[in-house]
Amino acid sequence: MTSNLAESMNNVFKGIRNLPKIALVKSTYYRLASLFAERGENTNIRLKTNQAYTKHCMNTLKAEVIKPQTHEVNQFD
């Protein structure tokens, strides 16, 4: 069995598995640094436009708001 962490690390090491350990560490470091920079930039853009949440989160919230509108309440007794 694998966990999400194992799957994530498999994705990180895809294409670099046969490199020496130092190269693996450097590659992982630079990839993470670029991801942090990219996501930080995306967050700053969202905050400048007064969007607190990501598109995925907003779509999920909209879907959850629609659900209760279809509920029906009947008085009993």
PDB file of N, CA and C in Angstrom:
ATOM      1  N   MET A   1       0.843  -1.186   0.000  1.00  0.00           N
ATOM      2  CA  MET A   1       0.000   0.000   0.000  1.00  0.00           C
ATOM      3  C   MET A   1       0.881   1.241   0.000  1.00  0.00           C
ATOM      4  N   THR A   2       0.363   2.289  -0.563  1.00  0.00           N
ATOM      5  CA  THR A   2       1.082   3.556  -0.568  1.00  0.00           C
ATOM      6  C   THR A   2       0.227   4.618   0.089  1.00  0.00           C
ATOM      7  N   SER A   3       0.881   5.664   0.523  1.00  0.00           N
ATOM      8  CA  SER A   3       0.155   6.788   1.110  1.00  0.00           C
ATOM      9  C   SER A   3       0.238   7.966   0.162  1.00  0.00           C
ATOM     10  N   ASN A   4      -0.462   9.003   0.466  1.00  0.00           N
ATOM     11  CA  ASN A   4      -0.398  10.202  -0.360  1.00  0.00           C
ATOM     12  C   ASN A   4       1.020  10.756  -0.404  1.00  0.00           C
ATOM     13  N   LEU A   5       1.741  10.687   0.708  1.00  0.00           N
ATOM     14  CA  LEU A   5       3.112  11.176   0.748  1.00  0.00           C
ATOM     15  C   LEU A   5       3.991  10.364  -0.197  1.00  0.00           C
ATOM     16  N   ALA A   6       3.810   9.046  -0.189  1.00  0.00           N
ATOM     17  CA  ALA A   6       4.610   8.199  -1.084  1.00  0.00           C
ATOM     18  C   ALA A   6       4.307   8.528  -2.547  1.00  0.00           C
ATOM     19  N   GLU A   7       3.046   8.725  -2.869  1.00  0.00           N
ATOM     20  CA  GLU A   7       2.680   9.084  -4.239  1.00  0.00           C
ATOM     21  C   GLU A   7       3.253  10.445  -4.616  1.00  0.00           C
ATOM     22  N   SER A   8       3.230  11.384  -3.693  1.00  0.00           N
ATOM     23  CA  SER A   8       3.788  12.710  -3.957  1.00  0.00           C
ATOM     24  C   SER A   8       5.281  12.628  -4.228  1.00  0.00           C
ATOM     25  N   MET A   9       5.983  11.847  -3.426  1.00  0.00           N
ATOM     26  CA  MET A   9       7.425  11.728  -3.615  1.00  0.00           C
ATOM     27  C   MET A   9       7.745  10.986  -4.910  1.00  0.00           C
ATOM     28  N   ASN A  10       6.933  10.021  -5.290  1.00  0.00           N
ATOM     29  CA  ASN A  10       7.125   9.358  -6.580  1.00  0.00           C
ATOM     30  C   ASN A  10       7.013  10.358  -7.717  1.00  0.00           C
ATOM     31  N   ASN A  11       6.065  11.279  -7.599  1.00  0.00           N
ATOM     32  CA  ASN A  11       5.898  12.310  -8.619  1.00  0.00           C
ATOM     33  C   ASN A  11       7.099  13.248  -8.644  1.00  0.00           C
ATOM     34  N   VAL A  12       7.632  13.591  -7.478  1.00  0.00           N
ATOM     35  CA  VAL A  12       8.799  14.481  -7.400  1.00  0.00           C
ATOM     36  C   VAL A  12      10.013  13.812  -8.032  1.00  0.00           C
ATOM     37  N   PHE A  13      10.198  12.520  -7.766  1.00  0.00           N
ATOM     38  CA  PHE A  13      11.392  11.824  -8.242  1.00  0.00           C
ATOM     39  C   PHE A  13      11.257  11.257  -9.655  1.00  0.00           C
ATOM     40  N   LYS A  14      10.120  11.459 -10.283  1.00  0.00           N
ATOM     41  CA  LYS A  14       9.930  10.938 -11.639  1.00  0.00           C
ATOM     42  C   LYS A  14      10.968  11.559 -12.569  1.00  0.00           C
ATOM     43  N   GLY A  15      11.712  10.754 -13.254  1.00  0.00           N
ATOM     44  CA  GLY A  15      12.712  11.236 -14.200  1.00  0.00           C
ATOM     45  C   GLY A  15      14.089  11.489 -13.601  1.00  0.00           C
ATOM     46  N   ILE A  16      14.206  11.455 -12.264  1.00  0.00           N
ATOM     47  CA  ILE A  16      15.517  11.707 -11.646  1.00  0.00           C
ATOM     48  C   ILE A  16      15.916  10.584 -10.693  1.00  0.00           C
ATOM     49  N   ARG A  17      15.263   9.471 -10.741  1.00  0.00           N
ATOM     50  CA  ARG A  17      15.501   8.385  -9.784  1.00  0.00           C
ATOM     51  C   ARG A  17      16.901   7.803  -9.852  1.00  0.00           C
ATOM     52  N   ASN A  18      17.520   7.815 -11.014  1.00  0.00           N
ATOM     53  CA  ASN A  18      18.826   7.174 -11.145  1.00  0.00           C
ATOM     54  C   ASN A  18      19.985   8.147 -10.939  1.00  0.00           C
ATOM     55  N   LEU A  19      19.714   9.339 -10.445  1.00  0.00           N
ATOM     56  CA  LEU A  19      20.771  10.314 -10.175  1.00  0.00           C
ATOM     57  C   LEU A  19      21.390  10.071  -8.797  1.00  0.00           C
ATOM     58  N   PRO A  20      22.597  10.600  -8.573  1.00  0.00           N
ATOM     59  CA  PRO A  20      23.209  10.492  -7.239  1.00  0.00           C
ATOM     60  C   PRO A  20      22.371  11.231  -6.184  1.00  0.00           C
ATOM     61  N   LYS A  21      22.601  10.899  -4.929  1.00  0.00           N
ATOM     62  CA  LYS A  21      21.795  11.457  -3.839  1.00  0.00           C
ATOM     63  C   LYS A  21      21.859  12.976  -3.781  1.00  0.00           C
ATOM     64  N   ILE A  22      23.035  13.551  -3.970  1.00  0.00           N
ATOM     65  CA  ILE A  22      23.168  15.019  -3.933  1.00  0.00           C
ATOM     66  C   ILE A  22      22.305  15.652  -5.021  1.00  0.00           C
ATOM     67  N   ALA A  23      22.310  15.049  -6.203  1.00  0.00           N
ATOM     68  CA  ALA A  23      21.491  15.577  -7.297  1.00  0.00           C
ATOM     69  C   ALA A  23      20.007  15.471  -6.969  1.00  0.00           C
ATOM     70  N   LEU A  24      19.598  14.384  -6.291  1.00  0.00           N
ATOM     71  CA  LEU A  24      18.206  14.238  -5.873  1.00  0.00           C
ATOM     72  C   LEU A  24      17.808  15.341  -4.897  1.00  0.00           C
ATOM     73  N   VAL A  25      18.675  15.602  -3.923  1.00  0.00           N
ATOM     74  CA  VAL A  25      18.390  16.633  -2.927  1.00  0.00           C
ATOM     75  C   VAL A  25      18.314  18.004  -3.590  1.00  0.00           C
ATOM     76  N   LYS A  26      19.262  18.317  -4.456  1.00  0.00           N
ATOM     77  CA  LYS A  26      19.251  19.612  -5.145  1.00  0.00           C
ATOM     78  C   LYS A  26      18.015  19.765  -6.020  1.00  0.00           C
ATOM     79  N   SER A  27      17.692  18.725  -6.757  1.00  0.00           N
ATOM     80  CA  SER A  27      16.531  18.776  -7.638  1.00  0.00           C
ATOM     81  C   SER A  27      15.252  18.996  -6.839  1.00  0.00           C
ATOM     82  N   THR A  28      15.119  18.265  -5.736  1.00  0.00           N
ATOM     83  CA  THR A  28      13.941  18.420  -4.882  1.00  0.00           C
ATOM     84  C   THR A  28      13.878  19.822  -4.300  1.00  0.00           C
ATOM     85  N   TYR A  29      14.999  20.332  -3.832  1.00  0.00           N
ATOM     86  CA  TYR A  29      15.048  21.677  -3.256  1.00  0.00           C
ATOM     87  C   TYR A  29      14.617  22.727  -4.275  1.00  0.00           C
ATOM     88  N   TYR A  30      15.193  22.688  -5.473  1.00  0.00           N
ATOM     89  CA  TYR A  30      14.873  23.699  -6.475  1.00  0.00           C
ATOM     90  C   TYR A  30      13.435  23.576  -6.962  1.00  0.00           C
ATOM     91  N   ARG A  31      12.940  22.362  -7.050  1.00  0.00           N
ATOM     92  CA  ARG A  31      11.542  22.192  -7.467  1.00  0.00           C
ATOM     93  C   ARG A  31      10.591  22.750  -6.418  1.00  0.00           C
ATOM     94  N   LEU A  32      10.850  22.469  -5.142  1.00  0.00           N
ATOM     95  CA  LEU A  32      10.017  23.010  -4.072  1.00  0.00           C
ATOM     96  C   LEU A  32      10.108  24.530  -4.013  1.00  0.00           C
ATOM     97  N   ALA A  33      11.315  25.069  -4.193  1.00  0.00           N
ATOM     98  CA  ALA A  33      11.484  26.522  -4.179  1.00  0.00           C
ATOM     99  C   ALA A  33      10.672  27.167  -5.293  1.00  0.00           C
ATOM    100  N   SER A  34      10.668  26.560  -6.474  1.00  0.00           N
ATOM    101  CA  SER A  34       9.898  27.128  -7.578  1.00  0.00           C
ATOM    102  C   SER A  34       8.396  27.013  -7.318  1.00  0.00           C
ATOM    103  N   LEU A  35       7.958  25.903  -6.709  1.00  0.00           N
ATOM    104  CA  LEU A  35       6.540  25.762  -6.379  1.00  0.00           C
ATOM    105  C   LEU A  35       6.094  26.787  -5.344  1.00  0.00           C
ATOM    106  N   PHE A  36       6.925  27.011  -4.319  1.00  0.00           N
ATOM    107  CA  PHE A  36       6.580  28.012  -3.309  1.00  0.00           C
ATOM    108  C   PHE A  36       6.505  29.397  -3.927  1.00  0.00           C
ATOM    109  N   ALA A  37       7.433  29.729  -4.809  1.00  0.00           N
ATOM    110  CA  ALA A  37       7.422  31.041  -5.466  1.00  0.00           C
ATOM    111  C   ALA A  37       6.178  31.191  -6.339  1.00  0.00           C
ATOM    112  N   GLU A  38       5.857  30.159  -7.097  1.00  0.00           N
ATOM    113  CA  GLU A  38       4.689  30.203  -7.992  1.00  0.00           C
ATOM    114  C   GLU A  38       3.391  30.351  -7.197  1.00  0.00           C
ATOM    115  N   ARG A  39       3.252  29.549  -6.165  1.00  0.00           N
ATOM    116  CA  ARG A  39       2.018  29.607  -5.373  1.00  0.00           C
ATOM    117  C   ARG A  39       1.930  30.892  -4.558  1.00  0.00           C
ATOM    118  N   GLY A  40       3.066  31.403  -4.108  1.00  0.00           N
ATOM    119  CA  GLY A  40       3.057  32.681  -3.408  1.00  0.00           C
ATOM    120  C   GLY A  40       2.623  33.809  -4.323  1.00  0.00           C
ATOM    121  N   GLU A  41       3.094  33.765  -5.552  1.00  0.00           N
ATOM    122  CA  GLU A  41       2.706  34.771  -6.533  1.00  0.00           C
ATOM    123  C   GLU A  41       1.204  34.684  -6.833  1.00  0.00           C
ATOM    124  N   ASN A  42       0.704  33.481  -7.000  1.00  0.00           N
ATOM    125  CA  ASN A  42      -0.737  33.295  -7.233  1.00  0.00           C
ATOM    126  C   ASN A  42      -1.561  33.813  -6.065  1.00  0.00           C
ATOM    127  N   THR A  43      -1.090  33.567  -4.850  1.00  0.00           N
ATOM    128  CA  THR A  43      -1.795  34.048  -3.661  1.00  0.00           C
ATOM    129  C   THR A  43      -1.803  35.568  -3.613  1.00  0.00           C
ATOM    130  N   ASN A  44      -0.665  36.194  -3.911  1.00  0.00           N
ATOM    131  CA  ASN A  44      -0.615  37.651  -3.918  1.00  0.00           C
ATOM    132  C   ASN A  44      -1.568  38.243  -4.946  1.00  0.00           C
ATOM    133  N   ILE A  45      -1.669  37.622  -6.114  1.00  0.00           N
ATOM    134  CA  ILE A  45      -2.591  38.105  -7.143  1.00  0.00           C
ATOM    135  C   ILE A  45      -4.032  37.996  -6.654  1.00  0.00           C
ATOM    136  N   ARG A  46      -4.374  36.851  -6.027  1.00  0.00           N
ATOM    137  CA  ARG A  46      -5.727  36.682  -5.505  1.00  0.00           C
ATOM    138  C   ARG A  46      -6.037  37.697  -4.424  1.00  0.00           C
ATOM    139  N   LEU A  47      -5.084  37.948  -3.536  1.00  0.00           N
ATOM    140  CA  LEU A  47      -5.326  38.896  -2.449  1.00  0.00           C
ATOM    141  C   LEU A  47      -5.467  40.320  -2.965  1.00  0.00           C
ATOM    142  N   LYS A  48      -4.732  40.677  -4.006  1.00  0.00           N
ATOM    143  CA  LYS A  48      -4.850  42.025  -4.583  1.00  0.00           C
ATOM    144  C   LYS A  48      -6.212  42.247  -5.218  1.00  0.00           C
ATOM    145  N   THR A  49      -6.845  41.179  -5.681  1.00  0.00           N
ATOM    146  CA  THR A  49      -8.175  41.297  -6.293  1.00  0.00           C
ATOM    147  C   THR A  49      -9.275  40.960  -5.284  1.00  0.00           C
ATOM    148  N   ASN A  50      -8.928  40.971  -3.996  1.00  0.00           N
ATOM    149  CA  ASN A  50      -9.867  40.713  -2.897  1.00  0.00           C
ATOM    150  C   ASN A  50     -10.521  39.336  -2.971  1.00  0.00           C
ATOM    151  N   GLN A  51      -9.810  38.349  -3.470  1.00  0.00           N
ATOM    152  CA  GLN A  51     -10.288  36.967  -3.462  1.00  0.00           C
ATOM    153  C   GLN A  51      -9.520  36.224  -2.380  1.00  0.00           C
ATOM    154  N   ALA A  52     -10.237  35.786  -1.368  1.00  0.00           N
ATOM    155  CA  ALA A  52      -9.571  35.108  -0.257  1.00  0.00           C
ATOM    156  C   ALA A  52      -9.333  33.628  -0.536  1.00  0.00           C
ATOM    157  N   TYR A  53     -10.098  33.051  -1.475  1.00  0.00           N
ATOM    158  CA  TYR A  53     -10.031  31.612  -1.700  1.00  0.00           C
ATOM    159  C   TYR A  53      -9.678  31.300  -3.155  1.00  0.00           C
ATOM    160  N   THR A  54      -9.217  30.075  -3.377  1.00  0.00           N
ATOM    161  CA  THR A  54      -8.877  29.629  -4.726  1.00  0.00           C
ATOM    162  C   THR A  54     -10.164  29.355  -5.527  1.00  0.00           C
ATOM    163  N   LYS A  55      -9.993  29.183  -6.842  1.00  0.00           N
ATOM    164  CA  LYS A  55     -11.155  28.885  -7.691  1.00  0.00           C
ATOM    165  C   LYS A  55     -11.806  27.571  -7.286  1.00  0.00           C
ATOM    166  N   HIS A  56     -10.980  26.574  -7.000  1.00  0.00           N
ATOM    167  CA  HIS A  56     -11.518  25.269  -6.588  1.00  0.00           C
ATOM    168  C   HIS A  56     -12.348  25.407  -5.318  1.00  0.00           C
ATOM    169  N   CYS A  57     -11.837  26.141  -4.367  1.00  0.00           N
ATOM    170  CA  CYS A  57     -12.552  26.347  -3.104  1.00  0.00           C
ATOM    171  C   CYS A  57     -13.860  27.107  -3.345  1.00  0.00           C
ATOM    172  N   MET A  58     -13.827  28.142  -4.170  1.00  0.00           N
ATOM    173  CA  MET A  58     -15.029  28.919  -4.460  1.00  0.00           C
ATOM    174  C   MET A  58     -16.077  28.061  -5.167  1.00  0.00           C
ATOM    175  N   ASN A  59     -15.661  27.216  -6.104  1.00  0.00           N
ATOM    176  CA  ASN A  59     -16.607  26.331  -6.782  1.00  0.00           C
ATOM    177  C   ASN A  59     -17.251  25.356  -5.806  1.00  0.00           C
ATOM    178  N   THR A  60     -16.461  24.836  -4.875  1.00  0.00           N
ATOM    179  CA  THR A  60     -16.991  23.918  -3.863  1.00  0.00           C
ATOM    180  C   THR A  60     -17.991  24.637  -2.959  1.00  0.00           C
ATOM    181  N   LEU A  61     -17.663  25.857  -2.549  1.00  0.00           N
ATOM    182  CA  LEU A  61     -18.577  26.629  -1.705  1.00  0.00           C
ATOM    183  C   LEU A  61     -19.888  26.925  -2.434  1.00  0.00           C
ATOM    184  N   LYS A  62     -19.804  27.293  -3.706  1.00  0.00           N
ATOM    185  CA  LYS A  62     -21.020  27.572  -4.479  1.00  0.00           C
ATOM    186  C   LYS A  62     -21.898  26.326  -4.570  1.00  0.00           C
ATOM    187  N   ALA A  63     -21.275  25.176  -4.798  1.00  0.00           N
ATOM    188  CA  ALA A  63     -22.036  23.929  -4.880  1.00  0.00           C
ATOM    189  C   ALA A  63     -22.710  23.612  -3.545  1.00  0.00           C
ATOM    190  N   GLU A  64     -22.029  23.878  -2.452  1.00  0.00           N
ATOM    191  CA  GLU A  64     -22.594  23.605  -1.130  1.00  0.00           C
ATOM    192  C   GLU A  64     -23.719  24.580  -0.784  1.00  0.00           C
ATOM    193  N   VAL A  65     -23.679  25.790  -1.317  1.00  0.00           N
ATOM    194  CA  VAL A  65     -24.742  26.766  -1.068  1.00  0.00           C
ATOM    195  C   VAL A  65     -26.006  26.367  -1.821  1.00  0.00           C
ATOM    196  N   ILE A  66     -25.866  25.750  -2.985  1.00  0.00           N
ATOM    197  CA  ILE A  66     -27.014  25.348  -3.792  1.00  0.00           C
ATOM    198  C   ILE A  66     -27.768  24.186  -3.152  1.00  0.00           C
ATOM    199  N   LYS A  67     -27.052  23.267  -2.510  1.00  0.00           N
ATOM    200  CA  LYS A  67     -27.686  22.076  -1.929  1.00  0.00           C
ATOM    201  C   LYS A  67     -28.839  22.391  -0.977  1.00  0.00           C
ATOM    202  N   PRO A  68     -28.664  23.294   0.014  1.00  0.00           N
ATOM    203  CA  PRO A  68     -29.768  23.512   0.960  1.00  0.00           C
ATOM    204  C   PRO A  68     -30.984  24.172   0.320  1.00  0.00           C
ATOM    205  N   GLN A  69     -30.833  24.795  -0.842  1.00  0.00           N
ATOM    206  CA  GLN A  69     -31.970  25.452  -1.478  1.00  0.00           C
ATOM    207  C   GLN A  69     -32.983  24.436  -1.997  1.00  0.00           C
ATOM    208  N   THR A  70     -32.584  23.193  -2.123  1.00  0.00           N
ATOM    209  CA  THR A  70     -33.497  22.150  -2.606  1.00  0.00           C
ATOM    210  C   THR A  70     -34.112  21.360  -1.474  1.00  0.00           C
ATOM    211  N   HIS A  71     -33.762  21.661  -0.246  1.00  0.00           N
ATOM    212  CA  HIS A  71     -34.318  20.954   0.894  1.00  0.00           C
ATOM    213  C   HIS A  71     -35.732  21.465   1.197  1.00  0.00           C
ATOM    214  N   GLU A  72     -36.540  20.582   1.672  1.00  0.00           N
ATOM    215  CA  GLU A  72     -37.916  20.959   2.019  1.00  0.00           C
ATOM    216  C   GLU A  72     -38.149  20.640   3.481  1.00  0.00           C
ATOM    217  N   VAL A  73     -38.756  21.567   4.193  1.00  0.00           N
ATOM    218  CA  VAL A  73     -39.045  21.368   5.614  1.00  0.00           C
ATOM    219  C   VAL A  73     -40.553  21.248   5.777  1.00  0.00           C
ATOM    220  N   ASN A  74     -40.979  20.194   6.434  1.00  0.00           N
ATOM    221  CA  ASN A  74     -42.400  19.978   6.716  1.00  0.00           C
ATOM    222  C   ASN A  74     -42.632  20.071   8.207  1.00  0.00           C
ATOM    223  N   GLN A  75     -43.661  20.789   8.597  1.00  0.00           N
ATOM    224  CA  GLN A  75     -43.981  20.897  10.015  1.00  0.00           C
ATOM    225  C   GLN A  75     -44.733  19.646  10.433  1.00  0.00           C
ATOM    226  N   PHE A  76     -44.348  19.101  11.554  1.00  0.00           N
ATOM    227  CA  PHE A  76     -44.960  17.886  12.059  1.00  0.00           C
ATOM    228  C   PHE A  76     -45.537  18.152  13.428  1.00  0.00           C
ATOM    229  N   ASP A  77     -46.731  17.665  13.681  1.00  0.00           N
ATOM    230  CA  ASP A  77     -47.445  17.753  14.962  1.00  0.00           C
ATOM    231  C   ASP A  77     -48.325  18.957  14.986  1.00  0.00           C
TER     232      ASP A  77
END
